[in-house]
Amino acid sequence: DGNVIVVGSSHRPATGWDWVVLSYRADGTRRWVQRYDGPSHLDDKPAKMLIDSRDRIYVAGVSRSAVRYDDALLVKYSQSGSRLWAKRFDGSADHADAARSLCARPGGGVYVCGYTSSIGTGVNGLLLAYSGAGSRLFTTVEDRYDASTSTQVFQDVAVRRGGEIVCGGFDQLSGPDTDVLYGFYSPEGSLRWLTHWYSDWNDQLTALARDGQGGVYLTGTYGTASGPQVFTQHLCAGGTDWYCLWPSVPSVGHEPMAIAVNGVNAYVVGSNGAGDRFVVGHVY
């Protein structure tokens, strides 16, 4: 309908950080505002928003609990701003859990990715599936190393043609450096295969996006001695996969923030260590 939906954070002394969803008409007048303050009245922060084909709004993020530390949170709103339901996820050990992103699920509802924590296995990648009515369809926990000191975090999720789910982020076995991690899952949440690669510096995936032919773009950072490059990979629905590192010889570090796709072309935006913004376009 030409309206604009904005999601962010708002602070109040009595409730800490709440997440806030606002709707504006095309002329800038505000239609409605919705705040989310969890049962413990502690910090609640959104990470990603999605609007489905019927203009319902899903927001995923994290909500602090008084007894369980952080929970992953998913909230669904109607087009008019009414809260339809809220679903919290608390992992097996009542430790830190968070939703980092979400994407539309074929057939309705959403996939949500992030991480969950436990005492015995550290921080593990998390993939959840919810129906449009709010039923949780599956829970997949990715513990690549089965070690209490390991970390795996999924930062974004997309769906390839045929329904295969792609989750991307980073892992960390020991030491300060992170490595790229992405996995492919069946529509039922079963792992098909997992990819891990690294440089001698920090590497990670920041964002994923599906293209117009059912392939998926991934973008993130690849470390070098002079700072990170922007790494972009195209997992094609047909044809040959490819990747790009930009700039070829960085003089400062470059950090991608988001990726947008138009047809099969992709555009990565971010900033560098000199305080400049950049847009990198990939015409395929």
Protein backbone atom coordinates (compact mmCIF):
# COMPACT_ATOMS: atom_id res chain seq x y z
CA ASP A 1 0.00 0.00 0.00
CA GLY A 2 3.02 2.31 -0.14
CA ASN A 3 3.46 2.45 3.63
CA VAL A 4 6.87 2.31 5.27
CA ILE A 5 7.69 0.02 8.22
CA VAL A 6 10.63 0.86 10.51
CA VAL A 7 12.01 -1.26 13.33
CA GLY A 8 14.51 -0.19 15.97
CA SER A 9 15.11 0.31 19.69
CA SER A 10 13.72 2.75 22.24
CA HIS A 11 14.87 3.24 25.85
CA ARG A 12 12.75 3.90 28.93
CA PRO A 13 14.11 3.98 32.51
CA ALA A 14 11.48 1.52 33.79
CA THR A 15 11.88 -1.09 31.05
CA GLY A 16 15.37 -0.61 29.59
CA TRP A 17 15.67 -1.09 25.84
CA ASP A 18 12.42 -2.06 24.12
CA TRP A 19 12.05 -2.81 20.47
CA VAL A 20 9.72 -0.54 18.56
CA VAL A 21 7.92 -1.01 15.24
CA LEU A 22 6.51 2.04 13.45
CA SER A 23 4.34 2.38 10.37
CA TYR A 24 4.30 5.54 8.25
CA ARG A 25 2.17 6.52 5.27
CA ALA A 26 3.89 7.52 2.05
CA ASP A 27 3.49 11.21 3.01
CA GLY A 28 5.39 10.64 6.29
CA THR A 29 2.47 10.72 8.73
CA ARG A 30 2.61 8.00 11.36
CA ARG A 31 -0.02 5.26 11.19
CA TRP A 32 0.83 3.33 14.36
CA VAL A 33 3.58 2.38 16.79
CA GLN A 34 4.12 -0.88 18.70
CA ARG A 35 6.63 -1.45 21.48
CA TYR A 36 7.75 -4.83 22.81
CA ASP A 37 8.72 -5.02 26.48
CA GLY A 38 9.31 -8.56 27.72
CA PRO A 39 7.82 -10.09 30.89
CA SER A 40 10.93 -9.23 32.93
CA HIS A 41 10.94 -5.56 31.78
CA LEU A 42 14.59 -5.85 30.77
CA ASP A 43 16.33 -5.20 27.46
CA ASP A 44 14.58 -6.36 24.26
CA LYS A 45 16.35 -5.61 20.97
CA PRO A 46 15.32 -6.44 17.39
CA ALA A 47 17.75 -7.80 14.82
CA LYS A 48 15.78 -8.19 11.57
CA MET A 49 12.32 -7.54 10.13
CA LEU A 50 10.39 -9.27 7.34
CA ILE A 51 7.10 -8.33 5.66
CA ASP A 52 5.27 -11.27 4.08
CA SER A 53 3.13 -11.35 0.93
CA ARG A 54 0.03 -10.34 2.92
CA ASP A 55 1.78 -7.42 4.67
CA ARG A 56 2.08 -9.18 8.03
CA ILE A 57 5.26 -8.14 9.86
CA TYR A 58 7.69 -10.52 11.55
CA VAL A 59 10.42 -9.19 13.85
CA ALA A 60 13.20 -11.38 15.27
CA GLY A 61 15.72 -10.49 17.96
CA VAL A 62 16.63 -11.05 21.60
CA SER A 63 14.79 -10.55 24.89
CA ARG A 64 16.44 -10.54 28.31
CA SER A 65 14.93 -12.81 30.96
CA ALA A 66 15.30 -12.36 34.70
CA VAL A 67 15.96 -16.09 35.23
CA ARG A 68 17.17 -17.37 31.82
CA TYR A 69 19.54 -14.64 30.63
CA ASP A 70 18.67 -14.00 26.92
CA ASP A 71 15.97 -15.69 24.83
CA ALA A 72 15.57 -15.64 21.06
CA LEU A 73 12.32 -13.84 20.27
CA LEU A 74 9.99 -13.78 17.25
CA VAL A 75 6.93 -11.50 17.12
CA LYS A 76 4.28 -11.30 14.39
CA TYR A 77 2.14 -8.18 13.78
CA SER A 78 -0.86 -7.56 11.54
CA GLN A 79 -0.83 -4.90 8.83
CA SER A 80 -2.72 -2.61 11.22
CA GLY A 81 -0.12 -3.09 13.97
CA SER A 82 -1.90 -5.57 16.23
CA ARG A 83 0.43 -8.11 17.83
CA LEU A 84 -0.73 -11.53 16.64
CA TRP A 85 1.68 -13.64 18.69
CA ALA A 86 5.13 -13.71 20.31
CA LYS A 87 7.34 -16.80 20.55
CA ARG A 88 10.37 -17.08 22.83
CA PHE A 89 13.09 -19.71 22.47
CA ASP A 90 15.09 -20.75 25.53
CA GLY A 91 17.80 -23.32 24.88
CA SER A 92 18.59 -26.39 26.91
CA ALA A 93 20.71 -24.67 29.56
CA ASP A 94 18.90 -21.33 30.19
CA HIS A 95 21.96 -19.49 28.83
CA ALA A 96 22.27 -16.86 26.09
CA ASP A 97 20.10 -17.45 23.01
CA ALA A 98 19.43 -14.94 20.24
CA ALA A 99 17.80 -14.58 16.84
CA ARG A 100 20.01 -12.77 14.33
CA SER A 101 17.88 -12.91 11.17
CA LEU A 102 14.91 -14.50 9.42
CA CYS A 103 13.52 -15.22 5.97
CA ALA A 104 10.19 -16.27 4.49
CA ARG A 105 9.37 -19.97 4.59
CA PRO A 106 7.77 -21.45 1.46
CA GLY A 107 4.19 -22.26 2.33
CA GLY A 108 3.95 -19.58 5.01
CA GLY A 109 5.72 -18.63 8.21
CA VAL A 110 9.44 -18.00 8.60
CA TYR A 111 12.85 -19.52 9.23
CA VAL A 112 14.82 -17.89 12.05
CA CYS A 113 18.58 -18.20 12.61
CA GLY A 114 20.95 -17.19 15.39
CA TYR A 115 22.64 -19.04 18.23
CA THR A 116 21.97 -20.97 21.42
CA SER A 117 24.31 -21.62 24.35
CA SER A 118 24.91 -24.45 26.80
CA ILE A 119 27.49 -25.36 29.43
CA GLY A 120 28.73 -28.51 27.72
CA THR A 121 28.90 -27.43 24.06
CA GLY A 122 29.50 -23.67 24.10
CA VAL A 123 27.71 -21.45 21.58
CA ASN A 124 25.97 -23.31 18.76
CA GLY A 125 24.28 -22.26 15.53
CA LEU A 126 20.47 -22.17 15.73
CA LEU A 127 17.85 -22.67 13.00
CA LEU A 128 14.14 -22.55 13.82
CA ALA A 129 11.04 -22.92 11.63
CA TYR A 130 7.65 -21.41 12.49
CA SER A 131 4.31 -21.66 10.74
CA GLY A 132 2.24 -18.56 10.05
CA ALA A 133 0.14 -19.43 13.11
CA GLY A 134 3.23 -19.48 15.35
CA SER A 135 3.76 -23.23 15.74
CA ARG A 136 7.42 -24.21 15.93
CA LEU A 137 7.96 -26.80 13.22
CA PHE A 138 11.56 -27.78 14.00
CA THR A 139 14.63 -26.79 15.99
CA THR A 140 18.09 -27.46 14.57
CA VAL A 141 21.22 -26.85 16.67
CA GLU A 142 24.58 -26.85 14.88
CA ASP A 143 27.50 -27.89 17.09
CA ARG A 144 30.34 -28.40 14.62
CA TYR A 145 33.05 -29.20 17.16
CA ASP A 146 31.14 -30.70 20.11
CA ALA A 147 33.35 -28.73 22.50
CA SER A 148 32.53 -26.36 25.33
CA THR A 149 34.98 -23.74 24.04
CA SER A 150 33.69 -23.64 20.45
CA THR A 151 31.42 -21.02 18.92
CA GLN A 152 29.12 -21.23 15.92
CA VAL A 153 26.78 -18.35 15.06
CA PHE A 154 24.38 -18.08 12.12
CA GLN A 155 23.97 -14.42 11.12
CA ASP A 156 21.59 -14.74 8.16
CA VAL A 157 19.41 -17.26 6.36
CA ALA A 158 17.98 -17.67 2.85
CA VAL A 159 16.11 -20.33 0.86
CA ARG A 160 17.36 -21.71 -2.46
CA ARG A 161 15.14 -22.93 -5.28
CA GLY A 162 13.71 -26.29 -4.28
CA GLY A 163 13.37 -25.26 -0.63
CA GLU A 164 16.94 -25.91 0.58
CA ILE A 165 17.82 -23.62 3.50
CA VAL A 166 21.20 -21.83 3.63
CA CYS A 167 22.51 -20.46 6.95
CA GLY A 168 25.70 -18.37 7.06
CA GLY A 169 27.83 -16.84 9.80
CA PHE A 170 31.05 -17.77 11.57
CA ASP A 171 32.68 -20.28 13.87
CA GLN A 172 35.53 -20.03 16.38
CA LEU A 173 37.31 -23.05 17.76
CA SER A 174 40.01 -21.37 19.85
CA GLY A 175 41.84 -18.05 19.92
CA PRO A 176 40.43 -14.69 18.84
CA ASP A 177 39.98 -15.31 15.09
CA THR A 178 36.65 -16.22 13.50
CA ASP A 179 36.18 -18.31 10.34
CA VAL A 180 33.44 -18.45 7.71
CA LEU A 181 30.74 -21.06 8.29
CA TYR A 182 27.71 -21.87 6.20
CA GLY A 183 25.43 -24.87 6.07
CA PHE A 184 22.75 -26.34 3.81
CA TYR A 185 19.63 -27.83 5.37
CA SER A 186 16.61 -29.68 4.07
CA PRO A 187 13.18 -28.00 4.34
CA GLU A 188 12.69 -30.22 7.43
CA GLY A 189 15.85 -28.88 9.10
CA SER A 190 18.22 -31.82 8.51
CA LEU A 191 21.85 -30.94 7.78
CA ARG A 192 22.92 -31.78 4.23
CA TRP A 193 26.44 -30.39 4.35
CA LEU A 194 28.55 -27.78 6.13
CA THR A 195 31.31 -25.55 4.74
CA HIS A 196 34.11 -23.97 6.76
CA TRP A 197 37.03 -21.89 5.47
CA TYR A 198 39.44 -19.37 6.90
CA SER A 199 42.40 -17.03 6.42
CA ASP A 200 44.95 -16.16 9.08
CA TRP A 201 42.69 -13.32 10.25
CA ASN A 202 39.01 -12.80 11.08
CA ASP A 203 36.55 -14.04 8.45
CA GLN A 204 32.77 -14.21 8.64
CA LEU A 205 29.55 -14.02 6.64
CA THR A 206 27.40 -10.98 7.31
CA ALA A 207 24.36 -11.28 5.04
CA LEU A 208 22.61 -13.57 2.55
CA ALA A 209 20.04 -12.87 -0.16
CA ARG A 210 18.16 -14.99 -2.67
CA ASP A 211 18.37 -13.95 -6.32
CA GLY A 212 15.62 -13.89 -8.93
CA GLN A 213 16.45 -17.37 -10.23
CA GLY A 214 16.50 -19.16 -6.87
CA GLY A 215 20.23 -18.94 -6.19
CA VAL A 216 21.75 -17.33 -3.09
CA TYR A 217 24.34 -14.59 -2.62
CA LEU A 218 26.54 -14.55 0.49
CA THR A 219 28.68 -11.62 1.62
CA GLY A 220 31.06 -11.01 4.49
CA THR A 221 34.72 -10.36 5.25
CA TYR A 222 37.95 -12.12 4.34
CA GLY A 223 40.95 -11.08 6.43
CA THR A 224 44.31 -9.89 5.09
CA ALA A 225 47.40 -8.35 6.67
CA SER A 226 46.20 -4.84 5.75
CA GLY A 227 42.55 -5.34 6.75
CA PRO A 228 39.51 -7.33 5.63
CA GLN A 229 38.29 -7.53 2.06
CA VAL A 230 34.64 -7.80 1.07
CA PHE A 231 33.90 -11.42 0.21
CA THR A 232 30.90 -12.14 -2.03
CA GLN A 233 29.90 -15.58 -3.29
CA HIS A 234 27.11 -16.58 -5.66
CA LEU A 235 25.60 -20.03 -5.21
CA CYS A 236 23.80 -20.30 -8.55
CA ALA A 237 20.56 -22.14 -9.12
CA GLY A 238 22.01 -23.06 -12.52
CA GLY A 239 25.45 -22.45 -13.98
CA THR A 240 28.76 -22.06 -12.21
CA ASP A 241 29.19 -20.71 -8.67
CA TRP A 242 31.69 -17.88 -8.27
CA TYR A 243 33.18 -15.60 -5.63
CA CYS A 244 34.82 -12.16 -5.53
CA LEU A 245 37.25 -10.45 -3.11
CA TRP A 246 37.22 -6.62 -3.17
CA PRO A 247 39.37 -4.56 -3.14
CA SER A 248 42.14 -6.75 -4.51
CA VAL A 249 44.78 -5.11 -2.25
CA PRO A 250 43.05 -3.25 0.60
CA SER A 251 44.84 -0.33 2.23
CA VAL A 252 42.26 -0.27 5.06
CA GLY A 253 39.66 -2.74 6.26
CA HIS A 254 36.30 -3.01 4.52
CA GLU A 255 33.15 -4.17 6.32
CA PRO A 256 29.97 -5.10 4.42
CA MET A 257 26.70 -4.27 6.18
CA ALA A 258 23.96 -5.58 3.89
CA ILE A 259 23.22 -7.00 0.45
CA ALA A 260 20.31 -6.34 -1.93
CA VAL A 261 19.44 -8.29 -5.07
CA ASN A 262 17.72 -7.10 -8.25
CA GLY A 263 17.09 -10.05 -10.54
CA VAL A 264 20.38 -11.91 -10.52
CA ASN A 265 22.50 -8.82 -9.81
CA ALA A 266 23.69 -8.07 -6.28
CA TYR A 267 24.75 -4.87 -4.50
CA VAL A 268 26.77 -4.88 -1.27
CA VAL A 269 26.92 -1.79 0.94
CA GLY A 270 29.30 -1.09 3.81
CA SER A 271 32.06 1.14 5.14
CA ASN A 272 35.83 1.06 5.46
CA GLY A 273 38.43 1.98 8.05
CA ALA A 274 38.92 5.44 6.50
CA GLY A 275 35.29 6.36 7.28
CA ASP A 276 34.10 6.04 3.68
CA ARG A 277 30.95 4.26 2.51
CA PHE A 278 30.96 1.94 -0.47
CA VAL A 279 28.62 0.09 -2.80
CA VAL A 280 29.93 -2.90 -4.75
CA GLY A 281 27.75 -4.08 -7.63
CA HIS A 282 27.95 -7.58 -9.12
CA VAL A 283 26.32 -7.83 -12.53
CA TYR A 284 25.92 -11.48 -13.43
